[in-house]
Amino acid sequence: MQNFLYGSNYRYYAIYPPIFTEEYTRWWADRASGLRLCPEFTCLLLRVCAFSTQDLPPTMQQVLESEMADRAEILTNRYHRASARLSNSFTPGTGSITQVQQLFLTANWLKNEMRLVES
């Protein structure tokens, strides 16, 4: 999250770090308590992971690949596919700013993958 918030996010500043961090902390608290997780925020988290994984400094990429036992290219695609499946379950036109943010990150992820028409 830090790589995204204080690195990749500054390209377009799609997410305001203080509010995101507050919701991120609440998401983890809900998860630890076994409460139902907000699907829209979960989707945004996956989009953040996908986008951030495209833009890792070399040392961070080595650590991530070692810990996750997979290449960054595979991880970013995996996060993107998972978030796409979740996003497709949302009814169009009923989302909040979180939905707009995750869709914006989707367009940027696709652009970074050189999938400009889809973006």
N, C-alpha and C. Protein backbone atom coordinates (compact mmCIF):
# COMPACT_ATOMS: atom_id res chain seq x y z
N MET A 1 0.82 -1.19 0.00
CA MET A 1 0.00 0.00 0.00
C MET A 1 0.87 1.26 0.00
N GLN A 2 1.96 1.21 0.75
CA GLN A 2 2.84 2.38 0.81
C GLN A 2 3.43 2.69 -0.56
N ASN A 3 3.82 1.63 -1.30
CA ASN A 3 4.36 1.84 -2.65
C ASN A 3 3.34 2.56 -3.52
N PHE A 4 2.09 2.17 -3.39
CA PHE A 4 1.05 2.82 -4.19
C PHE A 4 0.79 4.24 -3.71
N LEU A 5 0.49 4.39 -2.42
CA LEU A 5 0.07 5.70 -1.91
C LEU A 5 1.13 6.78 -2.08
N TYR A 6 2.38 6.40 -1.90
CA TYR A 6 3.43 7.41 -1.94
C TYR A 6 4.34 7.25 -3.15
N GLY A 7 3.86 6.53 -4.14
CA GLY A 7 4.60 6.34 -5.39
C GLY A 7 3.65 6.43 -6.56
N SER A 8 3.09 5.30 -6.93
CA SER A 8 2.23 5.20 -8.12
C SER A 8 1.05 6.16 -8.09
N ASN A 9 0.47 6.37 -6.93
CA ASN A 9 -0.71 7.22 -6.81
C ASN A 9 -0.44 8.66 -7.24
N TYR A 10 0.79 9.11 -7.12
CA TYR A 10 1.09 10.50 -7.44
C TYR A 10 1.02 10.80 -8.93
N ARG A 11 0.95 9.78 -9.75
CA ARG A 11 0.80 10.00 -11.19
C ARG A 11 -0.51 10.72 -11.48
N TYR A 12 -1.61 10.24 -10.87
CA TYR A 12 -2.93 10.82 -11.12
C TYR A 12 -3.64 11.26 -9.84
N TYR A 13 -3.09 10.87 -8.70
CA TYR A 13 -3.65 11.18 -7.39
C TYR A 13 -5.14 10.82 -7.33
N ALA A 14 -5.43 9.58 -7.74
CA ALA A 14 -6.81 9.09 -7.76
C ALA A 14 -7.35 8.80 -6.37
N ILE A 15 -6.45 8.59 -5.42
CA ILE A 15 -6.86 8.21 -4.07
C ILE A 15 -6.23 9.16 -3.07
N TYR A 16 -7.04 9.69 -2.18
CA TYR A 16 -6.57 10.60 -1.14
C TYR A 16 -6.04 9.73 0.02
N PRO A 17 -4.72 9.74 0.25
CA PRO A 17 -4.12 8.81 1.22
C PRO A 17 -4.74 8.79 2.62
N PRO A 18 -5.04 9.93 3.26
CA PRO A 18 -5.60 9.83 4.62
C PRO A 18 -6.93 9.07 4.70
N ILE A 19 -7.81 9.31 3.75
CA ILE A 19 -9.10 8.62 3.76
C ILE A 19 -8.91 7.14 3.43
N PHE A 20 -8.08 6.86 2.43
CA PHE A 20 -7.82 5.47 2.04
C PHE A 20 -7.21 4.70 3.21
N THR A 21 -6.24 5.30 3.89
CA THR A 21 -5.58 4.64 5.01
C THR A 21 -6.57 4.35 6.13
N GLU A 22 -7.48 5.26 6.38
CA GLU A 22 -8.50 5.05 7.41
C GLU A 22 -9.41 3.87 7.03
N GLU A 23 -9.84 3.83 5.78
CA GLU A 23 -10.69 2.72 5.33
C GLU A 23 -9.92 1.41 5.28
N TYR A 24 -8.66 1.47 4.93
CA TYR A 24 -7.80 0.29 4.89
C TYR A 24 -7.65 -0.30 6.29
N THR A 25 -7.43 0.54 7.27
CA THR A 25 -7.32 0.11 8.66
C THR A 25 -8.63 -0.52 9.13
N ARG A 26 -9.75 0.10 8.77
CA ARG A 26 -11.07 -0.45 9.15
C ARG A 26 -11.31 -1.80 8.45
N TRP A 27 -10.89 -1.92 7.18
CA TRP A 27 -11.05 -3.17 6.43
C TRP A 27 -10.32 -4.30 7.13
N TRP A 28 -9.06 -4.03 7.56
CA TRP A 28 -8.29 -5.07 8.26
C TRP A 28 -8.90 -5.40 9.62
N ALA A 29 -9.42 -4.41 10.32
CA ALA A 29 -10.07 -4.66 11.61
C ALA A 29 -11.31 -5.53 11.42
N ASP A 30 -12.10 -5.22 10.39
CA ASP A 30 -13.29 -6.03 10.08
C ASP A 30 -12.89 -7.46 9.74
N ARG A 31 -11.84 -7.60 8.96
CA ARG A 31 -11.36 -8.93 8.57
C ARG A 31 -10.92 -9.72 9.81
N ALA A 32 -10.17 -9.06 10.69
CA ALA A 32 -9.69 -9.73 11.90
C ALA A 32 -10.85 -10.13 12.82
N SER A 33 -11.93 -9.34 12.78
CA SER A 33 -13.09 -9.63 13.63
C SER A 33 -14.07 -10.60 12.98
N GLY A 34 -13.79 -11.00 11.75
CA GLY A 34 -14.68 -11.93 11.06
C GLY A 34 -15.94 -11.28 10.53
N LEU A 35 -15.93 -9.95 10.42
CA LEU A 35 -17.10 -9.25 9.89
C LEU A 35 -17.12 -9.31 8.37
N ARG A 36 -18.27 -9.04 7.80
CA ARG A 36 -18.42 -9.01 6.34
C ARG A 36 -17.60 -7.83 5.80
N LEU A 37 -16.79 -8.12 4.79
CA LEU A 37 -15.95 -7.08 4.20
C LEU A 37 -16.70 -6.36 3.09
N CYS A 38 -16.46 -5.08 2.98
CA CYS A 38 -17.08 -4.27 1.94
C CYS A 38 -16.53 -4.72 0.57
N PRO A 39 -17.37 -5.25 -0.31
CA PRO A 39 -16.86 -5.75 -1.59
C PRO A 39 -16.26 -4.65 -2.47
N GLU A 40 -16.83 -3.45 -2.41
CA GLU A 40 -16.30 -2.35 -3.23
C GLU A 40 -14.89 -1.98 -2.79
N PHE A 41 -14.67 -1.91 -1.48
CA PHE A 41 -13.33 -1.56 -1.01
C PHE A 41 -12.36 -2.71 -1.25
N THR A 42 -12.83 -3.93 -1.12
CA THR A 42 -11.99 -5.09 -1.42
C THR A 42 -11.54 -5.03 -2.88
N CYS A 43 -12.45 -4.69 -3.75
CA CYS A 43 -12.13 -4.56 -5.16
C CYS A 43 -11.10 -3.45 -5.38
N LEU A 44 -11.28 -2.33 -4.70
CA LEU A 44 -10.31 -1.23 -4.81
C LEU A 44 -8.94 -1.67 -4.32
N LEU A 45 -8.89 -2.42 -3.23
CA LEU A 45 -7.61 -2.93 -2.73
C LEU A 45 -6.91 -3.81 -3.76
N LEU A 46 -7.67 -4.67 -4.40
CA LEU A 46 -7.10 -5.51 -5.45
C LEU A 46 -6.59 -4.68 -6.62
N ARG A 47 -7.33 -3.63 -6.98
CA ARG A 47 -6.89 -2.74 -8.07
C ARG A 47 -5.60 -2.01 -7.67
N VAL A 48 -5.53 -1.58 -6.43
CA VAL A 48 -4.32 -0.91 -5.94
C VAL A 48 -3.14 -1.88 -6.02
N CYS A 49 -3.35 -3.11 -5.61
CA CYS A 49 -2.28 -4.12 -5.68
C CYS A 49 -1.85 -4.36 -7.11
N ALA A 50 -2.81 -4.48 -8.02
CA ALA A 50 -2.49 -4.72 -9.43
C ALA A 50 -1.70 -3.55 -10.00
N PHE A 51 -2.16 -2.35 -9.75
CA PHE A 51 -1.52 -1.15 -10.29
C PHE A 51 -0.13 -0.96 -9.69
N SER A 52 -0.03 -1.14 -8.38
CA SER A 52 1.24 -0.95 -7.69
C SER A 52 2.28 -1.98 -8.10
N THR A 53 1.83 -3.20 -8.35
CA THR A 53 2.76 -4.26 -8.73
C THR A 53 3.37 -4.01 -10.10
N GLN A 54 2.72 -3.20 -10.91
CA GLN A 54 3.29 -2.82 -12.21
C GLN A 54 4.46 -1.85 -12.04
N ASP A 55 4.53 -1.21 -10.90
CA ASP A 55 5.44 -0.08 -10.71
C ASP A 55 6.29 -0.25 -9.45
N LEU A 56 6.97 -1.37 -9.34
CA LEU A 56 7.77 -1.65 -8.15
C LEU A 56 9.23 -1.26 -8.36
N PRO A 57 9.84 -0.65 -7.36
CA PRO A 57 11.29 -0.46 -7.41
C PRO A 57 11.95 -1.85 -7.41
N PRO A 58 13.11 -1.99 -8.04
CA PRO A 58 13.75 -3.31 -8.16
C PRO A 58 13.90 -4.07 -6.84
N THR A 59 14.31 -3.40 -5.77
CA THR A 59 14.49 -4.11 -4.51
C THR A 59 13.16 -4.60 -3.95
N MET A 60 12.12 -3.78 -4.08
CA MET A 60 10.80 -4.18 -3.59
C MET A 60 10.26 -5.32 -4.45
N GLN A 61 10.53 -5.28 -5.75
CA GLN A 61 10.08 -6.35 -6.64
C GLN A 61 10.73 -7.67 -6.23
N GLN A 62 12.01 -7.65 -5.92
CA GLN A 62 12.70 -8.88 -5.49
C GLN A 62 12.08 -9.44 -4.22
N VAL A 63 11.80 -8.57 -3.26
CA VAL A 63 11.20 -9.02 -2.00
C VAL A 63 9.81 -9.60 -2.25
N LEU A 64 8.99 -8.89 -3.02
CA LEU A 64 7.63 -9.36 -3.30
C LEU A 64 7.66 -10.71 -4.01
N GLU A 65 8.49 -10.83 -5.03
CA GLU A 65 8.56 -12.07 -5.78
C GLU A 65 9.04 -13.22 -4.90
N SER A 66 9.95 -12.93 -4.01
CA SER A 66 10.45 -13.96 -3.09
C SER A 66 9.35 -14.39 -2.12
N GLU A 67 8.66 -13.42 -1.54
CA GLU A 67 7.62 -13.73 -0.55
C GLU A 67 6.40 -14.39 -1.18
N MET A 68 6.06 -13.98 -2.38
CA MET A 68 4.86 -14.50 -3.03
C MET A 68 5.15 -15.70 -3.94
N ALA A 69 6.43 -16.00 -4.12
CA ALA A 69 6.87 -17.14 -4.94
C ALA A 69 6.31 -17.09 -6.36
N ASP A 70 6.27 -15.87 -6.90
CA ASP A 70 5.83 -15.67 -8.28
C ASP A 70 6.39 -14.36 -8.81
N ARG A 71 6.45 -14.26 -10.13
CA ARG A 71 6.95 -13.04 -10.76
C ARG A 71 5.91 -11.93 -10.64
N ALA A 72 6.38 -10.70 -10.62
CA ALA A 72 5.50 -9.53 -10.51
C ALA A 72 4.49 -9.48 -11.64
N GLU A 73 4.90 -9.87 -12.84
CA GLU A 73 3.99 -9.85 -13.99
C GLU A 73 2.81 -10.80 -13.78
N ILE A 74 3.08 -11.93 -13.19
CA ILE A 74 2.00 -12.89 -12.92
C ILE A 74 1.11 -12.36 -11.80
N LEU A 75 1.72 -11.79 -10.78
CA LEU A 75 0.93 -11.26 -9.65
C LEU A 75 0.01 -10.14 -10.09
N THR A 76 0.53 -9.19 -10.88
CA THR A 76 -0.31 -8.07 -11.30
C THR A 76 -1.50 -8.55 -12.12
N ASN A 77 -1.28 -9.54 -12.98
CA ASN A 77 -2.39 -10.10 -13.75
C ASN A 77 -3.38 -10.83 -12.86
N ARG A 78 -2.88 -11.54 -11.87
CA ARG A 78 -3.75 -12.26 -10.95
C ARG A 78 -4.63 -11.27 -10.16
N TYR A 79 -4.03 -10.19 -9.65
CA TYR A 79 -4.80 -9.18 -8.92
C TYR A 79 -5.84 -8.53 -9.84
N HIS A 80 -5.42 -8.26 -11.07
CA HIS A 80 -6.34 -7.63 -12.03
C HIS A 80 -7.53 -8.54 -12.32
N ARG A 81 -7.29 -9.81 -12.58
CA ARG A 81 -8.38 -10.74 -12.88
C ARG A 81 -9.34 -10.88 -11.69
N ALA A 82 -8.78 -10.99 -10.49
CA ALA A 82 -9.63 -11.11 -9.30
C ALA A 82 -10.50 -9.87 -9.11
N SER A 83 -9.91 -8.70 -9.29
CA SER A 83 -10.69 -7.47 -9.12
C SER A 83 -11.71 -7.32 -10.24
N ALA A 84 -11.39 -7.78 -11.45
CA ALA A 84 -12.35 -7.71 -12.55
C ALA A 84 -13.56 -8.59 -12.26
N ARG A 85 -13.33 -9.80 -11.74
CA ARG A 85 -14.45 -10.68 -11.39
C ARG A 85 -15.34 -10.04 -10.32
N LEU A 86 -14.71 -9.46 -9.32
CA LEU A 86 -15.48 -8.81 -8.26
C LEU A 86 -16.22 -7.59 -8.80
N SER A 87 -15.54 -6.78 -9.59
CA SER A 87 -16.15 -5.57 -10.15
C SER A 87 -17.35 -5.90 -11.03
N ASN A 88 -17.27 -7.00 -11.76
CA ASN A 88 -18.38 -7.38 -12.64
C ASN A 88 -19.63 -7.77 -11.86
N SER A 89 -19.50 -8.00 -10.57
CA SER A 89 -20.67 -8.36 -9.76
C SER A 89 -21.44 -7.12 -9.28
N PHE A 90 -20.87 -5.94 -9.48
CA PHE A 90 -21.53 -4.71 -9.04
C PHE A 90 -22.53 -4.24 -10.10
N THR A 91 -23.68 -3.78 -9.65
CA THR A 91 -24.68 -3.24 -10.56
C THR A 91 -24.21 -1.89 -11.08
N PRO A 92 -24.16 -1.71 -12.41
CA PRO A 92 -23.72 -0.43 -12.97
C PRO A 92 -24.58 0.73 -12.45
N GLY A 93 -23.93 1.83 -12.16
CA GLY A 93 -24.63 3.03 -11.74
C GLY A 93 -25.02 3.07 -10.28
N THR A 94 -24.61 2.08 -9.49
CA THR A 94 -25.01 2.07 -8.08
C THR A 94 -23.83 2.27 -7.14
N GLY A 95 -22.66 2.49 -7.68
CA GLY A 95 -21.47 2.57 -6.85
C GLY A 95 -21.24 3.93 -6.23
N SER A 96 -20.19 3.98 -5.46
CA SER A 96 -19.79 5.20 -4.78
C SER A 96 -18.47 5.68 -5.37
N ILE A 97 -17.83 6.59 -4.71
CA ILE A 97 -16.52 7.08 -5.15
C ILE A 97 -15.52 5.92 -5.19
N THR A 98 -15.68 4.96 -4.32
CA THR A 98 -14.80 3.79 -4.33
C THR A 98 -14.91 3.05 -5.65
N GLN A 99 -16.11 2.92 -6.17
CA GLN A 99 -16.33 2.27 -7.46
C GLN A 99 -15.66 3.07 -8.58
N VAL A 100 -15.79 4.37 -8.54
CA VAL A 100 -15.17 5.23 -9.56
C VAL A 100 -13.65 5.09 -9.49
N GLN A 101 -13.10 5.08 -8.29
CA GLN A 101 -11.65 4.95 -8.13
C GLN A 101 -11.14 3.63 -8.69
N GLN A 102 -11.84 2.54 -8.39
CA GLN A 102 -11.36 1.25 -8.88
C GLN A 102 -11.48 1.16 -10.40
N LEU A 103 -12.51 1.77 -10.98
CA LEU A 103 -12.63 1.77 -12.43
C LEU A 103 -11.54 2.63 -13.08
N PHE A 104 -11.21 3.73 -12.44
CA PHE A 104 -10.13 4.59 -12.94
C PHE A 104 -8.80 3.84 -12.90
N LEU A 105 -8.55 3.14 -11.81
CA LEU A 105 -7.32 2.35 -11.72
C LEU A 105 -7.30 1.23 -12.75
N THR A 106 -8.46 0.68 -13.06
CA THR A 106 -8.54 -0.33 -14.10
C THR A 106 -8.08 0.23 -15.44
N ALA A 107 -8.58 1.39 -15.78
CA ALA A 107 -8.19 2.02 -17.05
C ALA A 107 -6.68 2.28 -17.08
N ASN A 108 -6.13 2.71 -15.97
CA ASN A 108 -4.70 2.97 -15.92
C ASN A 108 -3.87 1.70 -15.96
N TRP A 109 -4.36 0.66 -15.30
CA TRP A 109 -3.66 -0.63 -15.36
C TRP A 109 -3.61 -1.13 -16.80
N LEU A 110 -4.76 -1.06 -17.47
CA LEU A 110 -4.82 -1.49 -18.87
C LEU A 110 -3.89 -0.66 -19.75
N LYS A 111 -3.85 0.64 -19.50
CA LYS A 111 -2.95 1.52 -20.26
C LYS A 111 -1.50 1.11 -20.05
N ASN A 112 -1.13 0.81 -18.81
CA ASN A 112 0.24 0.39 -18.52
C ASN A 112 0.58 -0.96 -19.17
N GLU A 113 -0.43 -1.78 -19.40
CA GLU A 113 -0.24 -3.07 -20.06
C GLU A 113 -0.29 -2.93 -21.58
N MET A 114 -0.37 -1.70 -22.06
CA MET A 114 -0.46 -1.39 -23.49
C MET A 114 -1.74 -1.94 -24.13
N ARG A 115 -2.78 -2.02 -23.34
CA ARG A 115 -4.09 -2.46 -23.82
C ARG A 115 -4.96 -1.20 -23.93
N LEU A 116 -4.53 -0.31 -24.83
CA LEU A 116 -5.11 1.03 -24.91
C LEU A 116 -6.57 1.04 -25.33
N VAL A 117 -6.97 0.17 -26.23
CA VAL A 117 -8.37 0.14 -26.67
C VAL A 117 -9.26 -0.25 -25.49
N GLU A 118 -8.87 -1.27 -24.76
CA GLU A 118 -9.66 -1.67 -23.59
C GLU A 118 -9.67 -0.58 -22.52
N SER A 119 -8.57 0.12 -22.39
CA SER A 119 -8.45 1.18 -21.39
C SER A 119 -9.47 2.26 -21.68
